[in-house]
């Protein structure tokens, strides 16, 4: 995975955390992603659930901030 992120960075892709909301053992992240040849940045949302020893045990892509927050609430 580190090699994949390094490859993205070398090709100009940038990731910036735009929002982080923590609830219990889960965190919802808003990520702004940009790349020079795109018409503009995009924002994606992911929810990470952590288990023993702070390891990610589940990752879910979300279509909006609201759906990410609903997962945290529910």
N, C-alpha and C. Protein backbone atom coordinates (compact mmCIF):
# COMPACT_ATOMS: atom_id res chain seq x y z
N UNK A 1 0.82 -1.19 0.00
CA UNK A 1 0.00 0.00 0.00
C UNK A 1 0.87 1.25 0.00
N UNK A 2 1.96 1.22 0.72
CA UNK A 2 2.85 2.37 0.75
C UNK A 2 3.40 2.64 -0.65
N UNK A 3 3.72 1.57 -1.39
CA UNK A 3 4.21 1.74 -2.76
C UNK A 3 3.16 2.41 -3.64
N UNK A 4 1.90 2.04 -3.48
CA UNK A 4 0.82 2.64 -4.25
C UNK A 4 0.70 4.12 -3.93
N UNK A 5 0.73 4.50 -2.65
CA UNK A 5 0.65 5.91 -2.27
C UNK A 5 1.85 6.68 -2.79
N UNK A 6 3.03 6.07 -2.75
CA UNK A 6 4.23 6.73 -3.29
C UNK A 6 4.08 6.97 -4.78
N UNK A 7 3.53 6.01 -5.48
CA UNK A 7 3.31 6.15 -6.92
C UNK A 7 2.34 7.28 -7.21
N UNK A 8 1.26 7.38 -6.44
CA UNK A 8 0.31 8.48 -6.61
C UNK A 8 0.99 9.82 -6.41
N UNK A 9 1.80 9.92 -5.38
CA UNK A 9 2.49 11.17 -5.06
C UNK A 9 3.46 11.54 -6.18
N UNK A 10 4.20 10.58 -6.67
CA UNK A 10 5.15 10.84 -7.75
C UNK A 10 4.46 11.35 -9.01
N UNK A 11 3.22 10.95 -9.21
CA UNK A 11 2.46 11.38 -10.39
C UNK A 11 1.65 12.65 -10.14
N UNK A 12 1.86 13.29 -8.99
CA UNK A 12 1.23 14.58 -8.72
C UNK A 12 -0.07 14.53 -7.94
N UNK A 13 -0.55 13.35 -7.58
CA UNK A 13 -1.81 13.26 -6.83
C UNK A 13 -1.56 13.65 -5.37
N UNK A 14 -2.46 14.47 -4.84
CA UNK A 14 -2.33 14.94 -3.47
C UNK A 14 -3.59 14.62 -2.68
N UNK A 15 -3.41 14.25 -1.43
CA UNK A 15 -4.50 13.91 -0.52
C UNK A 15 -4.43 14.86 0.67
N UNK A 16 -5.57 15.43 1.03
CA UNK A 16 -5.63 16.31 2.20
C UNK A 16 -6.87 15.95 3.00
N UNK A 17 -6.68 15.75 4.30
CA UNK A 17 -7.82 15.46 5.18
C UNK A 17 -8.60 16.76 5.36
N UNK A 18 -9.87 16.73 4.97
CA UNK A 18 -10.71 17.92 5.06
C UNK A 18 -11.62 17.89 6.29
N UNK A 19 -11.85 16.69 6.80
CA UNK A 19 -12.73 16.55 7.96
C UNK A 19 -12.42 15.23 8.65
N UNK A 20 -12.48 15.22 9.96
CA UNK A 20 -12.28 13.99 10.73
C UNK A 20 -13.24 14.01 11.92
N UNK A 21 -14.06 12.95 12.01
CA UNK A 21 -15.02 12.85 13.11
C UNK A 21 -14.84 11.47 13.73
N UNK A 22 -14.58 11.45 15.03
CA UNK A 22 -14.34 10.20 15.75
C UNK A 22 -15.56 9.84 16.58
N UNK A 23 -15.91 8.56 16.56
CA UNK A 23 -17.04 8.05 17.36
C UNK A 23 -16.68 6.65 17.82
N UNK A 24 -16.37 6.50 19.10
CA UNK A 24 -16.01 5.18 19.61
C UNK A 24 -14.79 4.63 18.92
N UNK A 25 -14.92 3.43 18.34
CA UNK A 25 -13.80 2.77 17.67
C UNK A 25 -13.75 3.07 16.18
N UNK A 26 -14.47 4.11 15.74
CA UNK A 26 -14.50 4.43 14.31
C UNK A 26 -14.20 5.90 14.08
N UNK A 27 -13.74 6.19 12.88
CA UNK A 27 -13.48 7.57 12.49
C UNK A 27 -13.95 7.74 11.04
N UNK A 28 -14.63 8.85 10.79
CA UNK A 28 -15.04 9.21 9.44
C UNK A 28 -14.06 10.28 8.95
N UNK A 29 -13.53 10.09 7.76
CA UNK A 29 -12.60 11.05 7.17
C UNK A 29 -13.15 11.57 5.86
N UNK A 30 -13.06 12.87 5.70
CA UNK A 30 -13.29 13.50 4.41
C UNK A 30 -11.92 13.76 3.82
N UNK A 31 -11.70 13.34 2.59
CA UNK A 31 -10.42 13.53 1.91
C UNK A 31 -10.61 14.32 0.63
N UNK A 32 -9.84 15.37 0.47
CA UNK A 32 -9.82 16.11 -0.78
C UNK A 32 -8.65 15.60 -1.60
N UNK A 33 -8.94 15.16 -2.81
CA UNK A 33 -7.93 14.57 -3.67
C UNK A 33 -7.80 15.44 -4.92
N UNK A 34 -6.56 15.76 -5.26
CA UNK A 34 -6.33 16.55 -6.47
C UNK A 34 -5.20 15.92 -7.27
N UNK A 35 -5.25 16.18 -8.56
CA UNK A 35 -4.21 15.72 -9.49
C UNK A 35 -4.14 16.74 -10.61
N UNK A 36 -2.94 17.07 -11.07
CA UNK A 36 -2.78 18.14 -12.06
C UNK A 36 -3.65 18.00 -13.32
N UNK A 37 -3.88 16.80 -13.80
CA UNK A 37 -4.64 16.66 -15.06
C UNK A 37 -6.15 16.52 -14.85
N UNK A 38 -6.63 16.67 -13.63
CA UNK A 38 -8.07 16.65 -13.36
C UNK A 38 -8.61 18.07 -13.50
N UNK A 39 -9.90 18.18 -13.77
CA UNK A 39 -10.52 19.51 -13.90
C UNK A 39 -10.63 20.23 -12.56
N UNK A 40 -10.55 19.50 -11.47
CA UNK A 40 -10.61 20.09 -10.14
C UNK A 40 -10.52 19.01 -9.09
N UNK A 41 -10.39 19.41 -7.84
CA UNK A 41 -10.29 18.41 -6.77
C UNK A 41 -11.63 17.71 -6.55
N UNK A 42 -11.56 16.52 -5.98
CA UNK A 42 -12.76 15.76 -5.60
C UNK A 42 -12.69 15.47 -4.12
N UNK A 43 -13.84 15.29 -3.51
CA UNK A 43 -13.87 14.95 -2.09
C UNK A 43 -14.52 13.59 -1.94
N UNK A 44 -13.87 12.73 -1.16
CA UNK A 44 -14.39 11.40 -0.87
C UNK A 44 -14.47 11.24 0.64
N UNK A 45 -15.30 10.31 1.06
CA UNK A 45 -15.49 10.06 2.49
C UNK A 45 -15.30 8.59 2.77
N UNK A 46 -14.61 8.29 3.84
CA UNK A 46 -14.35 6.91 4.24
C UNK A 46 -14.58 6.79 5.74
N UNK A 47 -15.04 5.62 6.15
CA UNK A 47 -15.18 5.32 7.58
C UNK A 47 -14.27 4.15 7.89
N UNK A 48 -13.39 4.34 8.86
CA UNK A 48 -12.48 3.31 9.32
C UNK A 48 -12.92 2.85 10.70
N UNK A 49 -13.01 1.54 10.89
CA UNK A 49 -13.32 0.97 12.20
C UNK A 49 -12.08 0.24 12.69
N UNK A 50 -11.72 0.50 13.94
CA UNK A 50 -10.51 -0.05 14.51
C UNK A 50 -10.83 -1.15 15.51
N UNK A 51 -9.94 -2.14 15.57
CA UNK A 51 -10.09 -3.23 16.52
C UNK A 51 -8.90 -3.27 17.46
N UNK A 52 -8.55 -4.47 17.85
CA UNK A 52 -7.44 -4.67 18.78
C UNK A 52 -6.15 -4.07 18.23
N UNK A 53 -5.37 -3.51 19.12
CA UNK A 53 -4.08 -2.90 18.80
C UNK A 53 -4.19 -1.81 17.74
N UNK A 54 -5.35 -1.14 17.71
CA UNK A 54 -5.58 -0.02 16.80
C UNK A 54 -5.39 -0.38 15.33
N UNK A 55 -5.71 -1.59 14.97
CA UNK A 55 -5.64 -2.01 13.57
C UNK A 55 -6.99 -1.79 12.90
N UNK A 56 -6.95 -1.36 11.66
CA UNK A 56 -8.19 -1.18 10.89
C UNK A 56 -8.79 -2.55 10.61
N UNK A 57 -10.03 -2.73 11.03
CA UNK A 57 -10.71 -4.01 10.80
C UNK A 57 -11.81 -3.88 9.74
N UNK A 58 -12.17 -2.63 9.42
CA UNK A 58 -13.18 -2.41 8.39
C UNK A 58 -13.01 -1.02 7.81
N UNK A 59 -13.12 -0.91 6.49
CA UNK A 59 -13.06 0.38 5.82
C UNK A 59 -14.25 0.44 4.86
N UNK A 60 -14.99 1.54 4.92
CA UNK A 60 -16.16 1.68 4.06
C UNK A 60 -16.11 3.00 3.32
N UNK A 61 -16.31 2.93 2.01
CA UNK A 61 -16.42 4.14 1.20
C UNK A 61 -17.84 4.68 1.34
N UNK A 62 -17.96 6.00 1.35
CA UNK A 62 -19.27 6.64 1.49
C UNK A 62 -19.43 7.66 0.36
N UNK A 63 -20.67 7.91 -0.02
CA UNK A 63 -20.92 8.84 -1.12
C UNK A 63 -21.08 10.28 -0.67
N UNK A 64 -21.12 10.50 0.65
CA UNK A 64 -21.26 11.87 1.15
C UNK A 64 -20.84 11.92 2.61
N UNK A 65 -20.65 13.13 3.09
CA UNK A 65 -20.35 13.33 4.50
C UNK A 65 -21.50 12.82 5.35
N UNK A 66 -22.72 13.08 4.91
CA UNK A 66 -23.90 12.67 5.67
C UNK A 66 -23.96 11.15 5.83
N UNK A 67 -23.64 10.40 4.76
CA UNK A 67 -23.69 8.94 4.89
C UNK A 67 -22.57 8.43 5.80
N UNK A 68 -21.41 9.07 5.77
CA UNK A 68 -20.32 8.68 6.67
C UNK A 68 -20.72 8.92 8.13
N UNK A 69 -21.32 10.07 8.39
CA UNK A 69 -21.75 10.38 9.75
C UNK A 69 -22.87 9.46 10.21
N UNK A 70 -23.75 9.06 9.29
CA UNK A 70 -24.82 8.12 9.63
C UNK A 70 -24.26 6.77 10.04
N UNK A 71 -23.19 6.34 9.38
CA UNK A 71 -22.55 5.08 9.76
C UNK A 71 -21.98 5.19 11.17
N UNK A 72 -21.36 6.31 11.47
CA UNK A 72 -20.82 6.51 12.82
C UNK A 72 -21.92 6.49 13.87
N UNK A 73 -23.05 7.08 13.55
CA UNK A 73 -24.16 7.17 14.51
C UNK A 73 -24.86 5.85 14.71
N UNK A 74 -24.72 4.99 13.72
CA UNK A 74 -25.51 3.88 13.80
C UNK A 74 -25.51 2.54 13.90
